[in-house]
N, C-alpha and C. Protein backbone atom coordinates (compact mmCIF):
# COMPACT_ATOMS: atom_id res chain seq x y z
N MET A 1 198.77 -165.79 11.97
CA MET A 1 198.71 -163.98 11.68
C MET A 1 197.58 -163.40 10.78
N ILE A 2 197.02 -162.37 10.97
CA ILE A 2 196.00 -161.97 10.09
C ILE A 2 196.60 -160.75 9.22
N ILE A 3 196.40 -160.93 7.92
CA ILE A 3 196.79 -159.70 7.47
C ILE A 3 195.99 -159.04 6.48
N HIS A 4 195.84 -157.83 6.80
CA HIS A 4 194.70 -156.76 6.32
C HIS A 4 194.78 -156.11 5.49
N ASN A 5 194.33 -155.96 4.44
CA ASN A 5 194.19 -154.81 3.55
C ASN A 5 192.54 -154.12 2.95
N PRO A 6 192.57 -153.24 2.50
CA PRO A 6 191.09 -152.85 1.98
C PRO A 6 190.63 -153.74 1.81
N ALA A 7 190.94 -154.49 0.60
CA ALA A 7 190.31 -155.61 0.02
C ALA A 7 190.68 -156.92 -0.26
N ILE A 8 191.86 -157.02 0.73
CA ILE A 8 192.46 -157.96 0.78
C ILE A 8 192.13 -158.43 2.49
N ILE A 9 191.84 -159.77 3.18
CA ILE A 9 192.31 -160.46 4.16
C ILE A 9 192.64 -162.18 4.08
N ASN A 10 193.82 -162.21 4.95
CA ASN A 10 194.42 -163.64 4.56
C ASN A 10 194.05 -163.83 6.11
N LEU A 11 193.91 -165.29 6.14
CA LEU A 11 193.61 -165.70 8.02
C LEU A 11 194.95 -167.07 7.89
N GLY A 12 195.89 -166.51 6.48
CA GLY A 12 196.41 -168.04 7.23
C GLY A 12 196.07 -168.93 6.20
N HIS A 13 194.71 -169.80 6.49
CA HIS A 13 194.06 -171.11 5.66
C HIS A 13 193.13 -170.38 5.10
N THR A 14 192.95 -169.26 4.86
CA THR A 14 191.98 -169.02 4.08
C THR A 14 192.27 -167.58 3.13
N GLU A 15 191.90 -166.58 2.25
CA GLU A 15 192.20 -165.57 1.24
C GLU A 15 190.86 -165.37 1.04
N LEU A 16 190.83 -164.22 1.54
CA LEU A 16 189.61 -163.37 1.49
C LEU A 16 189.96 -162.27 0.37
N LEU A 17 188.82 -162.22 -0.91
CA LEU A 17 189.35 -160.75 -1.42
C LEU A 17 188.14 -160.19 -1.70
N MET A 18 188.05 -159.10 -2.17
CA MET A 18 187.05 -158.09 -2.69
C MET A 18 187.37 -158.42 -3.86
N ARG A 19 186.59 -158.48 -4.88
CA ARG A 19 187.01 -158.40 -6.26
C ARG A 19 186.53 -156.73 -7.37
N ASP A 20 187.13 -156.86 -8.03
CA ASP A 20 186.46 -155.24 -8.57
C ASP A 20 185.06 -155.18 -9.37
N ASP A 21 184.38 -156.18 -9.14
CA ASP A 21 183.55 -157.02 -9.72
C ASP A 21 182.23 -156.79 -9.08
N GLY A 22 182.07 -156.82 -7.97
CA GLY A 22 181.67 -156.84 -6.23
C GLY A 22 181.99 -157.90 -5.45
N LEU A 23 182.21 -159.10 -6.28
CA LEU A 23 182.18 -160.52 -5.88
C LEU A 23 183.27 -160.08 -4.47
N ILE A 24 183.04 -162.16 -3.26
CA ILE A 24 184.18 -161.54 -2.60
C ILE A 24 184.76 -162.63 -2.77
N GLU A 25 185.77 -163.08 -3.67
CA GLU A 25 186.56 -164.23 -3.93
C GLU A 25 187.30 -165.03 -2.26
N ILE A 26 186.66 -166.38 -2.80
CA ILE A 26 187.42 -166.60 -0.82
C ILE A 26 188.24 -167.74 -1.56
N LYS A 27 189.53 -168.28 -1.31
CA LYS A 27 190.33 -169.38 -1.47
C LYS A 27 190.71 -170.37 -0.75
N SER A 28 190.43 -170.72 -0.62
CA SER A 28 190.51 -172.16 0.64
C SER A 28 191.90 -172.73 0.44
N THR A 29 193.10 -173.31 1.65
CA THR A 29 194.12 -174.19 1.51
C THR A 29 193.15 -176.21 1.89
N ASP A 30 194.68 -176.70 1.70
CA ASP A 30 194.38 -177.67 2.14
C ASP A 30 194.07 -177.91 3.07
N ARG A 31 192.79 -178.10 3.60
CA ARG A 31 192.53 -178.57 4.74
C ARG A 31 190.84 -178.65 5.39
N THR A 32 191.32 -179.23 6.20
CA THR A 32 189.85 -179.78 6.72
C THR A 32 189.33 -179.01 7.76
N TYR A 33 188.04 -177.41 7.15
CA TYR A 33 187.62 -176.94 7.90
C TYR A 33 186.71 -176.53 9.64
N SER A 34 186.80 -176.00 10.27
CA SER A 34 186.23 -176.36 11.21
C SER A 34 184.76 -175.00 11.86
N VAL A 35 184.11 -175.02 12.17
CA VAL A 35 182.79 -174.40 12.77
C VAL A 35 184.02 -173.50 13.46
N THR A 36 184.76 -173.09 14.48
CA THR A 36 185.61 -171.88 13.98
C THR A 36 186.37 -171.15 12.76
N ASP A 37 186.89 -172.17 12.19
CA ASP A 37 187.47 -171.38 10.78
C ASP A 37 186.45 -170.76 9.85
N ILE A 38 184.85 -171.74 9.90
CA ILE A 38 184.26 -171.01 8.81
C ILE A 38 183.42 -169.60 9.17
N LYS A 39 183.78 -169.82 11.00
CA LYS A 39 183.05 -168.40 11.34
C LYS A 39 183.97 -167.35 11.16
N ALA A 40 185.23 -167.50 11.12
CA ALA A 40 186.82 -166.63 10.91
C ALA A 40 186.29 -165.79 9.83
N ILE A 41 186.38 -167.44 8.76
CA ILE A 41 185.85 -166.29 7.38
C ILE A 41 185.47 -165.29 7.35
N HIS A 42 183.42 -165.93 7.91
CA HIS A 42 181.94 -164.82 7.46
C HIS A 42 182.16 -163.47 7.98
N LYS A 43 183.80 -163.39 9.49
CA LYS A 43 184.21 -162.41 10.24
C LYS A 43 184.21 -161.20 9.50
N ALA A 44 185.24 -162.13 8.29
CA ALA A 44 186.70 -161.95 7.51
C ALA A 44 185.74 -161.11 6.42
N VAL A 45 184.74 -161.88 5.68
CA VAL A 45 183.86 -161.64 4.77
C VAL A 45 182.42 -159.86 5.62
N SER A 46 182.45 -159.96 6.54
CA SER A 46 181.89 -158.76 7.31
C SER A 46 182.86 -157.90 7.08
N GLU A 47 183.96 -158.01 7.21
CA GLU A 47 185.14 -156.65 7.44
C GLU A 47 184.93 -156.24 5.67
N LEU A 48 184.85 -156.86 5.40
CA LEU A 48 185.24 -156.86 3.36
C LEU A 48 184.17 -156.08 2.93
N THR A 49 182.29 -156.23 3.75
CA THR A 49 181.39 -155.94 2.91
C THR A 49 181.30 -154.48 3.96
N GLY A 50 181.81 -154.55 5.09
CA GLY A 50 181.33 -153.17 6.29
C GLY A 50 179.48 -154.10 6.31
N LYS A 51 178.90 -155.58 6.64
CA LYS A 51 177.95 -155.92 7.52
C LYS A 51 177.69 -156.22 6.81
N GLN A 52 177.47 -155.73 4.98
CA GLN A 52 176.71 -155.76 4.26
C GLN A 52 176.01 -157.49 3.31
N LYS A 53 175.62 -157.98 2.83
CA LYS A 53 175.49 -159.27 1.97
C LYS A 53 176.17 -159.25 0.96
N ALA A 54 176.98 -160.50 0.61
CA ALA A 54 177.90 -159.89 -0.61
C ALA A 54 177.14 -161.81 -1.72
N LEU A 55 177.87 -161.30 -2.98
CA LEU A 55 177.95 -162.64 -3.74
C LEU A 55 179.19 -163.14 -2.88
N LEU A 56 178.97 -164.38 -2.78
CA LEU A 56 181.09 -164.92 -2.27
C LEU A 56 180.63 -166.15 -3.60
N LEU A 57 182.11 -165.86 -4.21
CA LEU A 57 182.43 -167.08 -4.86
C LEU A 57 183.95 -168.15 -4.23
N LEU A 58 183.67 -169.29 -4.11
CA LEU A 58 184.40 -170.31 -2.70
C LEU A 58 184.98 -170.79 -3.20
N ILE A 59 186.90 -171.08 -3.57
CA ILE A 59 187.39 -171.59 -4.36
C ILE A 59 188.15 -172.35 -3.55
N ALA A 60 188.21 -173.98 -3.74
CA ALA A 60 188.45 -175.39 -2.86
C ALA A 60 190.18 -175.04 -3.59
N SER A 61 190.50 -175.58 -2.55
CA SER A 61 191.24 -176.69 -3.34
C SER A 61 191.54 -177.88 -3.20
N ASP A 62 192.88 -178.84 -3.56
CA ASP A 62 192.72 -179.69 -4.18
C ASP A 62 191.66 -180.75 -3.16
N TYR A 63 192.58 -180.36 -1.41
CA TYR A 63 192.07 -181.50 -0.68
C TYR A 63 191.24 -180.70 0.35
N THR A 64 190.58 -179.25 0.66
CA THR A 64 189.56 -178.80 0.96
C THR A 64 187.99 -179.37 1.38
N SER A 65 187.77 -179.57 2.43
CA SER A 65 186.75 -180.72 3.21
C SER A 65 186.78 -179.45 4.55
N ILE A 66 185.29 -179.38 5.05
CA ILE A 66 184.70 -179.51 5.69
C ILE A 66 184.55 -180.17 6.87
N ASP A 67 184.29 -180.32 8.86
CA ASP A 67 184.08 -181.36 9.01
C ASP A 67 182.29 -181.22 9.45
N ASN A 68 182.12 -182.40 10.75
CA ASN A 68 180.51 -182.12 10.43
C ASN A 68 180.05 -180.79 11.32
N ASP A 69 180.82 -180.69 12.21
CA ASP A 69 180.12 -180.06 13.06
C ASP A 69 179.97 -178.49 11.52
N ALA A 70 180.35 -178.22 10.82
CA ALA A 70 180.82 -177.06 9.86
C ALA A 70 179.61 -177.74 9.04
N LYS A 71 179.08 -178.57 8.76
CA LYS A 71 178.37 -178.82 7.63
C LYS A 71 177.51 -178.01 8.40
N ASN A 72 176.88 -178.89 9.70
CA ASN A 72 175.78 -178.47 10.01
C ASN A 72 175.70 -176.97 10.81
N PHE A 73 177.12 -175.85 10.53
CA PHE A 73 177.36 -175.01 11.56
C PHE A 73 176.15 -174.05 9.53
N LEU A 74 176.96 -174.51 8.22
CA LEU A 74 176.60 -173.69 7.01
C LEU A 74 175.41 -174.42 6.68
N SER A 75 174.93 -175.06 7.57
CA SER A 75 172.41 -175.28 6.95
C SER A 75 171.53 -174.23 7.98
N THR A 76 172.54 -173.14 8.92
CA THR A 76 172.00 -172.26 10.36
C THR A 76 171.82 -171.02 9.52
N ASP A 77 170.95 -170.32 10.09
CA ASP A 77 170.65 -169.02 9.26
C ASP A 77 171.80 -167.51 9.88
N GLU A 78 172.27 -168.20 11.05
CA GLU A 78 173.50 -167.73 10.65
C GLU A 78 174.37 -167.62 9.95
N ALA A 79 175.09 -168.68 9.10
CA ALA A 79 175.64 -168.74 7.69
C ALA A 79 175.60 -168.40 6.50
N GLY A 80 174.15 -167.61 6.68
CA GLY A 80 173.76 -166.65 5.66
C GLY A 80 173.66 -164.84 5.96
N LEU A 81 174.14 -164.98 6.77
CA LEU A 81 174.46 -163.63 7.56
C LEU A 81 174.03 -162.61 6.51
N TYR A 82 176.18 -162.90 5.98
CA TYR A 82 176.61 -161.78 5.29
C TYR A 82 176.50 -162.55 3.86
N SER A 83 175.38 -163.31 3.21
CA SER A 83 175.08 -163.42 2.01
C SER A 83 174.37 -163.74 1.22
N ILE A 84 174.21 -163.03 -0.47
CA ILE A 84 173.11 -163.69 -0.76
C ILE A 84 173.00 -164.51 -1.83
N ALA A 85 174.30 -165.36 -2.76
CA ALA A 85 174.11 -166.50 -3.17
C ALA A 85 176.00 -166.57 -2.77
N GLU A 86 175.91 -169.02 -3.06
CA GLU A 86 177.77 -168.36 -3.05
C GLU A 86 177.78 -169.63 -3.87
N ALA A 87 178.64 -169.45 -5.00
CA ALA A 87 179.50 -170.69 -5.55
C ALA A 87 180.22 -170.60 -5.28
N TYR A 88 180.64 -172.28 -4.89
CA TYR A 88 181.99 -173.23 -5.19
C TYR A 88 182.25 -174.11 -6.56
N VAL A 89 183.94 -173.84 -6.49
CA VAL A 89 184.01 -173.98 -7.21
C VAL A 89 185.28 -174.87 -7.15
N ILE A 90 185.57 -176.54 -7.75
CA ILE A 90 185.28 -177.89 -6.41
C ILE A 90 186.52 -178.25 -7.59
N LYS A 91 186.72 -179.24 -6.60
CA LYS A 91 188.09 -179.92 -7.56
C LYS A 91 187.95 -181.43 -7.35
N SER A 92 186.93 -181.88 -6.87
CA SER A 92 186.94 -183.22 -6.44
C SER A 92 185.79 -184.29 -6.14
N LEU A 93 185.38 -185.07 -6.84
CA LEU A 93 184.28 -186.08 -6.37
C LEU A 93 183.61 -185.37 -4.89
N ALA A 94 184.70 -186.08 -3.75
CA ALA A 94 184.57 -186.14 -2.37
C ALA A 94 183.75 -184.39 -2.14
N GLN A 95 184.78 -183.21 -2.49
CA GLN A 95 184.05 -182.15 -2.75
C GLN A 95 182.54 -182.37 -3.14
N ARG A 96 181.95 -182.80 -4.83
CA ARG A 96 180.67 -182.37 -5.01
C ARG A 96 179.81 -183.57 -4.27
N LEU A 97 180.20 -184.69 -2.83
CA LEU A 97 179.35 -185.25 -2.61
C LEU A 97 179.01 -184.39 -1.42
N LEU A 98 180.25 -183.59 -0.43
CA LEU A 98 180.17 -183.12 0.32
C LEU A 98 178.92 -181.91 -0.02
N LEU A 99 179.32 -181.13 -0.76
CA LEU A 99 178.46 -180.29 -1.35
C LEU A 99 176.35 -180.32 -1.68
N ASN A 100 176.23 -181.59 -2.30
CA ASN A 100 175.04 -181.41 -2.90
C ASN A 100 174.82 -182.57 -1.22
N PHE A 101 175.57 -183.37 -0.33
CA PHE A 101 174.70 -183.42 0.93
C PHE A 101 174.05 -182.75 1.10
N LEU A 102 174.64 -181.20 1.74
CA LEU A 102 174.72 -180.47 2.66
C LEU A 102 173.53 -179.57 1.69
N ILE A 103 173.54 -179.39 -0.41
CA ILE A 103 172.60 -178.87 -0.32
C ILE A 103 171.00 -179.07 -0.34
N LYS A 104 171.29 -180.74 -0.22
CA LYS A 104 170.22 -181.11 -0.94
C LYS A 104 169.41 -182.13 1.20
N VAL A 105 170.38 -182.14 1.41
CA VAL A 105 170.22 -182.51 2.45
C VAL A 105 169.72 -181.93 4.08
N LYS A 106 170.68 -181.32 4.05
CA LYS A 106 170.85 -180.41 4.96
C LYS A 106 170.56 -178.95 4.86
N GLY A 107 170.04 -178.04 3.17
CA GLY A 107 169.26 -177.13 3.22
C GLY A 107 170.61 -176.16 3.70
N THR A 108 170.02 -175.23 2.96
CA THR A 108 171.29 -173.50 3.57
C THR A 108 170.23 -172.46 2.80
N PRO A 109 171.39 -171.84 4.29
CA PRO A 109 170.26 -170.18 4.15
C PRO A 109 169.79 -169.27 3.08
N VAL A 110 170.69 -169.07 2.44
CA VAL A 110 170.92 -169.36 0.98
C VAL A 110 171.23 -169.86 -0.09
N PRO A 111 171.24 -169.55 -1.69
CA PRO A 111 171.25 -170.65 -3.62
C PRO A 111 172.49 -170.87 -2.86
N VAL A 112 172.59 -171.94 -2.78
CA VAL A 112 173.94 -172.47 -2.96
C VAL A 112 174.16 -173.59 -4.20
N LYS A 113 175.45 -173.21 -5.42
CA LYS A 113 176.15 -174.16 -5.55
C LYS A 113 176.98 -174.63 -6.03
N PHE A 114 177.83 -175.10 -6.73
CA PHE A 114 179.05 -176.36 -7.05
C PHE A 114 179.44 -176.01 -9.22
N PHE A 115 180.45 -175.45 -9.05
CA PHE A 115 180.85 -175.92 -10.17
C PHE A 115 182.23 -176.40 -10.02
N THR A 116 182.41 -176.64 -11.18
CA THR A 116 184.07 -177.55 -11.26
C THR A 116 185.22 -175.82 -12.33
N GLU A 117 184.52 -175.13 -12.81
CA GLU A 117 185.22 -173.87 -13.16
C GLU A 117 184.30 -172.44 -12.47
N ILE A 118 185.63 -171.62 -12.66
CA ILE A 118 185.35 -170.02 -12.14
C ILE A 118 184.08 -168.91 -13.06
N ASN A 119 184.51 -169.50 -14.36
CA ASN A 119 183.36 -167.98 -14.85
C ASN A 119 182.04 -168.59 -14.94
N PRO A 120 181.72 -170.34 -15.28
CA PRO A 120 179.62 -170.83 -14.62
C PRO A 120 180.31 -170.14 -13.42
N ALA A 121 180.91 -170.24 -12.79
CA ALA A 121 180.35 -169.92 -11.24
C ALA A 121 179.79 -167.97 -11.15
N VAL A 122 181.09 -167.52 -11.21
CA VAL A 122 180.86 -165.85 -11.90
C VAL A 122 179.39 -165.84 -11.96
N THR A 123 179.20 -166.21 -13.32
CA THR A 123 177.63 -165.78 -14.15
C THR A 123 177.07 -166.20 -13.47
N TRP A 124 176.70 -166.86 -12.65
CA TRP A 124 175.84 -167.69 -12.16
C TRP A 124 176.06 -166.70 -11.01
N LEU A 125 176.66 -166.23 -10.10
CA LEU A 125 176.63 -165.16 -8.83
C LEU A 125 176.11 -164.04 -9.10
N LYS A 126 176.31 -163.82 -10.34
CA LYS A 126 175.51 -162.14 -11.15
C LYS A 126 174.72 -162.44 -11.57
N SER A 127 173.68 -162.97 -11.79
CA SER A 127 172.30 -163.47 -11.86
C SER A 127 171.66 -163.17 -10.57
N PHE A 128 172.22 -162.59 -9.69
CA PHE A 128 171.78 -161.93 -8.46
C PHE A 128 171.70 -160.54 -7.96
N LYS A 129 172.43 -159.89 -9.09
CA LYS A 129 172.61 -158.82 -9.12
C LYS A 129 171.94 -158.11 -9.58
N ALA A 130 171.24 -157.03 -8.72
CA ALA A 130 170.06 -156.37 -9.30
C ALA A 130 170.16 -155.73 -10.34
């Protein structure tokens, strides 16, 4: 079930929030995300922003991961349609390795960086604001 308020969308597996500073905060759950999940998140971002590009703050839970198809999708232009830049706040070595592979080997359509704490991630994202 999708719960929707003008500033929050809950997809069940992911909660999206339009923050007061204009960032879109995306909190994941312990799951391996598929392309279908990622596309649902992108659709929710487009709803929150009125189909405008935004700065995305993605906060992983302890066991958040993505499958191979999702990893391939995240390197496509379609994956960057509603994103200016993406900061991932991660918790594990496995997540670090996965993101390093995505960024350095597969490539991403927008700037992507990972962090272990929220504040540096927010600071980095805000460096993209005009």
